Amino acid sequence: MDELLNQSMQNIESETRSREVDKYEHILSESIKEIKIAKDLVKEFSDIRNESIKNLYRVGISAKKLSESTGLSTVFIHRILK
């Protein structure tokens, strides 16, 4: 009887562990998908920002002024302008 009880408890523990693994794998998969979406959005908006910086520079706004208005360093502004 004790052996049957122990086996039953082991089966329950195994099933519980399996469900937890499944749950956490699903959470991980979903979070990876959301991170990819966020990265894609950051890329899209960074491209828009960079194009705006280039356009403003072309019409005479200095790198220093662009740096001040964007919060980006002048070195970074110059990298964008290359």
C-alpha atoms as a PDB file:
ATOM      1  CA  MET A   1       0.000   0.000   0.000  1.00  0.00           C
ATOM      2  CA  ASP A   2       2.830   2.395   0.875  1.00  0.00           C
ATOM      3  CA  GLU A   3       4.503   1.649  -2.443  1.00  0.00           C
ATOM      4  CA  LEU A   4       1.301   2.451  -4.307  1.00  0.00           C
ATOM      5  CA  LEU A   5       0.959   5.723  -2.378  1.00  0.00           C
ATOM      6  CA  ASN A   6       4.601   6.657  -3.095  1.00  0.00           C
ATOM      7  CA  GLN A   7       4.185   5.893  -6.779  1.00  0.00           C
ATOM      8  CA  SER A   8       1.013   7.964  -6.887  1.00  0.00           C
ATOM      9  CA  MET A   9       2.772  10.894  -5.191  1.00  0.00           C
ATOM     10  CA  GLN A  10       5.673  10.639  -7.651  1.00  0.00           C
ATOM     11  CA  ASN A  11       3.257  10.659 -10.566  1.00  0.00           C
ATOM     12  CA  ILE A  12       1.519  13.742  -9.171  1.00  0.00           C
ATOM     13  CA  GLU A  13       4.859  15.519  -8.657  1.00  0.00           C
ATOM     14  CA  SER A  14       5.986  14.589 -12.149  1.00  0.00           C
ATOM     15  CA  GLU A  15       2.742  15.823 -13.714  1.00  0.00           C
ATOM     16  CA  THR A  16       2.874  19.047 -11.702  1.00  0.00           C
ATOM     17  CA  ARG A  17       6.480  19.652 -12.771  1.00  0.00           C
ATOM     18  CA  SER A  18       5.565  18.937 -16.387  1.00  0.00           C
ATOM     19  CA  ARG A  19       2.706  21.459 -16.264  1.00  0.00           C
ATOM     20  CA  GLU A  20       5.006  24.065 -14.728  1.00  0.00           C
ATOM     21  CA  VAL A  21       7.593  23.503 -17.445  1.00  0.00           C
ATOM     22  CA  ASP A  22       4.922  23.822 -20.131  1.00  0.00           C
ATOM     23  CA  LYS A  23       3.589  27.006 -18.549  1.00  0.00           C
ATOM     24  CA  TYR A  24       7.020  28.638 -18.261  1.00  0.00           C
ATOM     25  CA  GLU A  25       8.009  27.585 -21.783  1.00  0.00           C
ATOM     26  CA  HIS A  26       4.817  29.215 -23.081  1.00  0.00           C
ATOM     27  CA  ILE A  27       5.536  32.393 -21.094  1.00  0.00           C
ATOM     28  CA  LEU A  28       9.100  32.457 -22.447  1.00  0.00           C
ATOM     29  CA  SER A  29       7.911  31.976 -26.015  1.00  0.00           C
ATOM     30  CA  GLU A  30       5.340  34.758 -25.716  1.00  0.00           C
ATOM     31  CA  SER A  31       7.824  37.161 -24.120  1.00  0.00           C
ATOM     32  CA  ILE A  32      10.348  36.496 -26.902  1.00  0.00           C
ATOM     33  CA  LYS A  33       7.652  37.316 -29.487  1.00  0.00           C
ATOM     34  CA  GLU A  34       6.788  40.554 -27.673  1.00  0.00           C
ATOM     35  CA  ILE A  35      10.451  41.542 -27.414  1.00  0.00           C
ATOM     36  CA  LYS A  36      10.847  41.043 -31.168  1.00  0.00           C
ATOM     37  CA  ILE A  37       7.811  43.251 -31.808  1.00  0.00           C
ATOM     38  CA  ALA A  38       9.257  45.924 -29.504  1.00  0.00           C
ATOM     39  CA  LYS A  39      12.660  45.739 -31.228  1.00  0.00           C
ATOM     40  CA  ASP A  40      10.999  46.117 -34.621  1.00  0.00           C
ATOM     41  CA  LEU A  41       9.128  49.195 -33.383  1.00  0.00           C
ATOM     42  CA  VAL A  42      12.299  50.710 -31.943  1.00  0.00           C
ATOM     43  CA  LYS A  43      14.043  50.134 -35.290  1.00  0.00           C
ATOM     44  CA  GLU A  44      11.177  51.732 -37.213  1.00  0.00           C
ATOM     45  CA  PHE A  45      11.038  54.810 -34.969  1.00  0.00           C
ATOM     46  CA  SER A  46      14.837  55.102 -34.864  1.00  0.00           C
ATOM     47  CA  ASP A  47      14.857  55.195 -38.665  1.00  0.00           C
ATOM     48  CA  ILE A  48      12.207  57.932 -38.625  1.00  0.00           C
ATOM     49  CA  ARG A  49      14.181  59.882 -36.000  1.00  0.00           C
ATOM     50  CA  ASN A  50      17.428  59.507 -37.927  1.00  0.00           C
ATOM     51  CA  GLU A  51      15.828  60.672 -41.178  1.00  0.00           C
ATOM     52  CA  SER A  52      14.373  63.710 -39.392  1.00  0.00           C
ATOM     53  CA  ILE A  53      17.787  64.535 -37.931  1.00  0.00           C
ATOM     54  CA  LYS A  54      19.352  64.339 -41.409  1.00  0.00           C
ATOM     55  CA  ASN A  55      16.637  66.555 -42.874  1.00  0.00           C
ATOM     56  CA  LEU A  56      16.991  69.152 -40.121  1.00  0.00           C
ATOM     57  CA  TYR A  57      20.769  69.174 -40.558  1.00  0.00           C
ATOM     58  CA  ARG A  58      20.354  69.657 -44.317  1.00  0.00           C
ATOM     59  CA  VAL A  59      18.238  72.749 -43.749  1.00  0.00           C
ATOM     60  CA  GLY A  60      20.816  74.300 -41.442  1.00  0.00           C
ATOM     61  CA  ILE A  61      20.185  73.067 -37.905  1.00  0.00           C
ATOM     62  CA  SER A  62      23.531  72.456 -36.238  1.00  0.00           C
ATOM     63  CA  ALA A  63      24.599  69.125 -34.782  1.00  0.00           C
ATOM     64  CA  LYS A  64      24.884  70.839 -31.398  1.00  0.00           C
ATOM     65  CA  LYS A  65      21.296  72.105 -31.579  1.00  0.00           C
ATOM     66  CA  LEU A  66      20.101  68.658 -32.715  1.00  0.00           C
ATOM     67  CA  SER A  67      21.983  67.125 -29.813  1.00  0.00           C
ATOM     68  CA  GLU A  68      20.333  69.466 -27.344  1.00  0.00           C
ATOM     69  CA  SER A  69      16.845  68.924 -28.730  1.00  0.00           C
ATOM     70  CA  THR A  70      17.090  65.131 -28.943  1.00  0.00           C
ATOM     71  CA  GLY A  71      19.163  64.358 -25.867  1.00  0.00           C
ATOM     72  CA  LEU A  72      21.645  62.475 -28.058  1.00  0.00           C
ATOM     73  CA  SER A  73      25.340  63.240 -27.930  1.00  0.00           C
ATOM     74  CA  THR A  74      26.855  65.287 -30.749  1.00  0.00           C
ATOM     75  CA  VAL A  75      29.086  62.302 -31.532  1.00  0.00           C
ATOM     76  CA  PHE A  76      25.991  60.157 -32.021  1.00  0.00           C
ATOM     77  CA  ILE A  77      24.361  62.875 -34.146  1.00  0.00           C
ATOM     78  CA  HIS A  78      27.445  62.902 -36.367  1.00  0.00           C
ATOM     79  CA  ARG A  79      27.265  59.093 -36.669  1.00  0.00           C
ATOM     80  CA  ILE A  80      23.680  59.414 -37.855  1.00  0.00           C
ATOM     81  CA  LEU A  81      24.683  62.093 -40.355  1.00  0.00           C
ATOM     82  CA  LYS A  82      27.367  59.916 -41.998  1.00  0.00           C
END
